[in-house]
PDB file of N, CA and C in Angstrom:
ATOM      1  N   MET A   1      65.353 -47.185  72.448  1.00  0.00           N
ATOM      2  CA  MET A   1      64.351 -47.423  71.278  1.00  0.00           C
ATOM      3  C   MET A   1      62.949 -47.298  71.787  1.00  0.00           C
ATOM      4  N   PRO A   2      62.124 -46.476  70.971  1.00  0.00           N
ATOM      5  CA  PRO A   2      60.838 -46.286  71.404  1.00  0.00           C
ATOM      6  C   PRO A   2      59.914 -47.598  71.314  1.00  0.00           C
ATOM      7  N   LYS A   3      58.950 -47.756  72.121  1.00  0.00           N
ATOM      8  CA  LYS A   3      58.075 -48.813  72.102  1.00  0.00           C
ATOM      9  C   LYS A   3      56.781 -48.420  71.445  1.00  0.00           C
ATOM     10  N   VAL A   4      56.217 -49.384  70.666  1.00  0.00           N
ATOM     11  CA  VAL A   4      54.949 -49.151  70.054  1.00  0.00           C
ATOM     12  C   VAL A   4      53.991 -50.273  70.401  1.00  0.00           C
ATOM     13  N   SER A   5      52.776 -50.015  70.714  1.00  0.00           N
ATOM     14  CA  SER A   5      51.818 -50.958  70.993  1.00  0.00           C
ATOM     15  C   SER A   5      50.756 -51.029  69.974  1.00  0.00           C
ATOM     16  N   VAL A   6      50.293 -52.320  69.583  1.00  0.00           N
ATOM     17  CA  VAL A   6      49.337 -52.495  68.482  1.00  0.00           C
ATOM     18  C   VAL A   6      48.453 -53.561  68.716  1.00  0.00           C
ATOM     19  N   ASP A   7      47.253 -53.470  68.306  1.00  0.00           N
ATOM     20  CA  ASP A   7      46.251 -54.520  68.515  1.00  0.00           C
ATOM     21  C   ASP A   7      46.172 -55.246  67.094  1.00  0.00           C
ATOM     22  N   ILE A   8      46.266 -56.594  67.188  1.00  0.00           N
ATOM     23  CA  ILE A   8      46.313 -57.372  65.821  1.00  0.00           C
ATOM     24  C   ILE A   8      45.402 -58.603  66.076  1.00  0.00           C
ATOM     25  N   PRO A   9      44.767 -59.013  65.106  1.00  0.00           N
ATOM     26  CA  PRO A   9      43.895 -60.202  65.163  1.00  0.00           C
ATOM     27  C   PRO A   9      44.707 -61.467  65.612  1.00  0.00           C
ATOM     28  N   GLN A  10      44.118 -62.261  66.467  1.00  0.00           N
ATOM     29  CA  GLN A  10      44.716 -63.463  66.990  1.00  0.00           C
ATOM     30  C   GLN A  10      45.297 -64.438  65.762  1.00  0.00           C
ATOM     31  N   GLU A  11      44.513 -64.434  64.699  1.00  0.00           N
ATOM     32  CA  GLU A  11      45.075 -65.252  63.542  1.00  0.00           C
ATOM     33  C   GLU A  11      46.411 -64.820  63.022  1.00  0.00           C
ATOM     34  N   LEU A  12      46.447 -63.471  63.067  1.00  0.00           N
ATOM     35  CA  LEU A  12      47.822 -62.895  62.556  1.00  0.00           C
ATOM     36  C   LEU A  12      48.991 -63.159  63.454  1.00  0.00           C
ATOM     37  N   LEU A  13      48.541 -63.065  64.754  1.00  0.00           N
ATOM     38  CA  LEU A  13      49.644 -63.374  65.874  1.00  0.00           C
ATOM     39  C   LEU A  13      49.868 -64.839  65.748  1.00  0.00           C
ATOM     40  N   ASP A  14      49.077 -65.607  65.601  1.00  0.00           N
ATOM     41  CA  ASP A  14      49.411 -67.157  65.686  1.00  0.00           C
ATOM     42  C   ASP A  14      50.277 -67.416  64.502  1.00  0.00           C
ATOM     43  N   ASP A  15      49.964 -66.797  63.282  1.00  0.00           N
ATOM     44  CA  ASP A  15      50.878 -67.034  62.024  1.00  0.00           C
ATOM     45  C   ASP A  15      52.309 -66.589  62.374  1.00  0.00           C
ATOM     46  N   LEU A  16      52.306 -65.283  62.835  1.00  0.00           N
ATOM     47  CA  LEU A  16      53.618 -64.730  63.247  1.00  0.00           C
ATOM     48  C   LEU A  16      54.412 -65.676  64.119  1.00  0.00           C
ATOM     49  N   ASN A  17      53.784 -66.090  65.181  1.00  0.00           N
ATOM     50  CA  ASN A  17      54.463 -66.947  66.166  1.00  0.00           C
ATOM     51  C   ASN A  17      54.911 -68.329  65.562  1.00  0.00           C
ATOM     52  N   ARG A  18      54.379 -68.785  64.543  1.00  0.00           N
ATOM     53  CA  ARG A  18      54.889 -69.974  63.870  1.00  0.00           C
ATOM     54  C   ARG A  18      56.330 -69.809  63.264  1.00  0.00           C
ATOM     55  N   HIS A  19      56.743 -68.520  63.178  1.00  0.00           N
ATOM     56  CA  HIS A  19      57.973 -68.249  62.505  1.00  0.00           C
ATOM     57  C   HIS A  19      59.029 -67.815  63.575  1.00  0.00           C
ATOM     58  N   ILE A  20      58.694 -67.992  64.795  1.00  0.00           N
ATOM     59  CA  ILE A  20      59.527 -67.352  65.955  1.00  0.00           C
ATOM     60  C   ILE A  20      59.974 -68.649  66.827  1.00  0.00           C
ATOM     61  N   GLY A  21      61.321 -68.457  67.161  1.00  0.00           N
ATOM     62  CA  GLY A  21      61.774 -69.527  68.183  1.00  0.00           C
ATOM     63  C   GLY A  21      63.053 -70.241  67.596  1.00  0.00           C
ATOM     64  N   ASP A  22      63.591 -71.243  68.305  1.00  0.00           N
ATOM     65  CA  ASP A  22      64.781 -71.974  68.006  1.00  0.00           C
ATOM     66  C   ASP A  22      64.570 -72.521  66.638  1.00  0.00           C
ATOM     67  N   ASN A  23      65.519 -72.424  65.820  1.00  0.00           N
ATOM     68  CA  ASN A  23      65.655 -73.076  64.497  1.00  0.00           C
ATOM     69  C   ASN A  23      64.607 -72.465  63.503  1.00  0.00           C
ATOM     70  N   LYS A  24      64.226 -71.259  63.778  1.00  0.00           N
ATOM     71  CA  LYS A  24      63.162 -70.584  63.043  1.00  0.00           C
ATOM     72  C   LYS A  24      63.766 -69.253  62.443  1.00  0.00           C
ATOM     73  N   LYS A  25      63.037 -68.530  61.601  1.00  0.00           N
ATOM     74  CA  LYS A  25      63.502 -67.360  61.038  1.00  0.00           C
ATOM     75  C   LYS A  25      63.788 -66.171  62.055  1.00  0.00           C
ATOM     76  N   PHE A  26      62.968 -66.050  63.007  1.00  0.00           N
ATOM     77  CA  PHE A  26      63.038 -64.995  63.974  1.00  0.00           C
ATOM     78  C   PHE A  26      63.296 -65.382  65.410  1.00  0.00           C
ATOM     79  N   ILE A  27      63.897 -64.647  66.179  1.00  0.00           N
ATOM     80  CA  ILE A  27      64.183 -65.026  67.635  1.00  0.00           C
ATOM     81  C   ILE A  27      63.123 -64.455  68.511  1.00  0.00           C
ATOM     82  N   THR A  28      62.511 -63.347  68.174  1.00  0.00           N
ATOM     83  CA  THR A  28      61.505 -62.680  68.970  1.00  0.00           C
ATOM     84  C   THR A  28      60.359 -62.015  68.036  1.00  0.00           C
ATOM     85  N   GLN A  29      59.193 -61.786  68.629  1.00  0.00           N
ATOM     86  CA  GLN A  29      58.123 -61.150  67.941  1.00  0.00           C
ATOM     87  C   GLN A  29      58.611 -59.775  67.469  1.00  0.00           C
ATOM     88  N   ALA A  30      59.283 -59.130  68.280  1.00  0.00           N
ATOM     89  CA  ALA A  30      59.821 -57.851  67.909  1.00  0.00           C
ATOM     90  C   ALA A  30      60.691 -57.800  66.739  1.00  0.00           C
ATOM     91  N   ASP A  31      61.643 -58.695  66.725  1.00  0.00           N
ATOM     92  CA  ASP A  31      62.452 -58.833  65.549  1.00  0.00           C
ATOM     93  C   ASP A  31      61.685 -59.178  64.290  1.00  0.00           C
ATOM     94  N   ALA A  32      60.734 -60.002  64.327  1.00  0.00           N
ATOM     95  CA  ALA A  32      59.809 -60.401  63.115  1.00  0.00           C
ATOM     96  C   ALA A  32      59.001 -59.156  62.715  1.00  0.00           C
ATOM     97  N   ILE A  33      58.516 -58.390  63.619  1.00  0.00           N
ATOM     98  CA  ILE A  33      57.739 -57.268  63.319  1.00  0.00           C
ATOM     99  C   ILE A  33      58.603 -56.158  62.730  1.00  0.00           C
ATOM    100  N   ARG A  34      59.771 -55.825  63.250  1.00  0.00           N
ATOM    101  CA  ARG A  34      60.693 -54.867  62.775  1.00  0.00           C
ATOM    102  C   ARG A  34      61.113 -55.241  61.257  1.00  0.00           C
ATOM    103  N   THR A  35      61.338 -56.545  61.080  1.00  0.00           N
ATOM    104  CA  THR A  35      61.780 -57.000  59.682  1.00  0.00           C
ATOM    105  C   THR A  35      60.616 -56.753  58.736  1.00  0.00           C
ATOM    106  N   ALA A  36      59.315 -57.140  59.174  1.00  0.00           N
ATOM    107  CA  ALA A  36      58.293 -57.032  58.288  1.00  0.00           C
ATOM    108  C   ALA A  36      57.855 -55.503  57.955  1.00  0.00           C
ATOM    109  N   LEU A  37      58.188 -54.627  58.908  1.00  0.00           N
ATOM    110  CA  LEU A  37      57.839 -53.250  58.752  1.00  0.00           C
ATOM    111  C   LEU A  37      58.943 -52.696  57.702  1.00  0.00           C
ATOM    112  N   ARG A  38      60.177 -53.079  57.972  1.00  0.00           N
ATOM    113  CA  ARG A  38      61.272 -52.635  57.029  1.00  0.00           C
ATOM    114  C   ARG A  38      60.929 -52.993  55.605  1.00  0.00           C
ATOM    115  N   LYS A  39      60.675 -54.231  55.447  1.00  0.00           N
ATOM    116  CA  LYS A  39      60.241 -54.789  54.102  1.00  0.00           C
ATOM    117  C   LYS A  39      59.112 -54.031  53.448  1.00  0.00           C
ATOM    118  N   LEU A  40      58.013 -53.828  54.244  1.00  0.00           N
ATOM    119  CA  LEU A  40      56.951 -53.065  53.807  1.00  0.00           C
ATOM    120  C   LEU A  40      57.273 -51.614  53.432  1.00  0.00           C
ATOM    121  N   LEU A  41      58.032 -50.934  54.165  1.00  0.00           N
ATOM    122  CA  LEU A  41      58.347 -49.574  53.807  1.00  0.00           C
ATOM    123  C   LEU A  41      59.330 -49.509  52.675  1.00  0.00           C
ATOM    124  N   ASP A  42      60.152 -50.531  52.445  1.00  0.00           N
ATOM    125  CA  ASP A  42      60.981 -50.690  51.270  1.00  0.00           C
ATOM    126  C   ASP A  42      60.167 -50.905  49.924  1.00  0.00           C
ATOM    127  N   GLN A  43      59.078 -51.650  50.005  1.00  0.00           N
ATOM    128  CA  GLN A  43      58.097 -51.947  48.967  1.00  0.00           C
ATOM    129  C   GLN A  43      57.369 -50.637  48.658  1.00  0.00           C
ATOM    130  N   MET A  44      56.891 -49.927  49.752  1.00  0.00           N
ATOM    131  CA  MET A  44      56.187 -48.700  49.459  1.00  0.00           C
ATOM    132  C   MET A  44      57.062 -47.656  48.740  1.00  0.00           C
ATOM    133  N   ASP A  45      58.391 -47.652  49.226  1.00  0.00           N
ATOM    134  CA  ASP A  45      59.318 -46.615  48.553  1.00  0.00           C
ATOM    135  C   ASP A  45      59.461 -46.937  47.114  1.00  0.00           C
ATOM    136  N   ASP A  46      59.571 -48.334  46.781  1.00  0.00           N
ATOM    137  CA  ASP A  46      59.658 -48.786  45.383  1.00  0.00           C
ATOM    138  C   ASP A  46      58.516 -48.245  44.673  1.00  0.00           C
ATOM    139  N   ILE A  47      57.250 -48.376  45.101  1.00  0.00           N
ATOM    140  CA  ILE A  47      56.036 -48.047  44.441  1.00  0.00           C
ATOM    141  C   ILE A  47      56.097 -46.583  44.256  1.00  0.00           C
ATOM    142  N   ASP A  48      56.439 -45.810  45.219  1.00  0.00           N
ATOM    143  CA  ASP A  48      56.440 -44.389  45.127  1.00  0.00           C
ATOM    144  C   ASP A  48      57.452 -44.012  44.076  1.00  0.00           C
ATOM    145  N   ARG A  49      58.560 -44.649  44.083  1.00  0.00           N
ATOM    146  CA  ARG A  49      59.621 -44.267  43.183  1.00  0.00           C
ATOM    147  C   ARG A  49      59.089 -44.508  41.695  1.00  0.00           C
ATOM    148  N   ARG A  50      58.336 -45.551  41.473  1.00  0.00           N
ATOM    149  CA  ARG A  50      57.932 -45.914  40.074  1.00  0.00           C
ATOM    150  C   ARG A  50      56.881 -44.856  39.612  1.00  0.00           C
ATOM    151  N   HIS A  51      56.169 -44.296  40.604  1.00  0.00           N
ATOM    152  CA  HIS A  51      55.135 -43.292  40.253  1.00  0.00           C
ATOM    153  C   HIS A  51      55.556 -41.873  40.410  1.00  0.00           C
ATOM    154  N   GLY A  52      56.886 -41.706  40.563  1.00  0.00           N
ATOM    155  CA  GLY A  52      57.575 -40.415  40.601  1.00  0.00           C
ATOM    156  C   GLY A  52      57.073 -39.583  41.798  1.00  0.00           C
ATOM    157  N   ARG A  53      56.830 -40.335  42.837  1.00  0.00           N
ATOM    158  CA  ARG A  53      56.463 -39.569  44.135  1.00  0.00           C
ATOM    159  C   ARG A  53      57.489 -39.580  45.156  1.00  0.00           C
ATOM    160  N   LEU A  54      58.690 -40.033  44.812  1.00  0.00           N
ATOM    161  CA  LEU A  54      59.695 -40.125  45.818  1.00  0.00           C
ATOM    162  C   LEU A  54      60.984 -39.445  45.197  1.00  0.00           C
ATOM    163  N   GLU A  55      61.457 -38.414  45.953  1.00  0.00           N
ATOM    164  CA  GLU A  55      62.691 -37.744  45.617  1.00  0.00           C
ATOM    165  C   GLU A  55      63.880 -38.599  45.944  1.00  0.00           C
ATOM    166  N   GLU A  56      64.883 -38.717  45.167  1.00  0.00           N
ATOM    167  CA  GLU A  56      66.088 -39.405  45.470  1.00  0.00           C
ATOM    168  C   GLU A  56      67.040 -38.560  46.363  1.00  0.00           C
TER     169      GLU A  56
END
């Protein structure tokens, strides 16, 4: 799996980390970021579909 490096503001990282760990939604930062990216791309596809910019 390719690796990607990104710089993000500390506040965003702190917020992300509140959702990671035992008894929380995500096990790792990578898992949380992958899930967020998938959701964002799905939302962008929905928007493009509504505007006729996405071929099925």
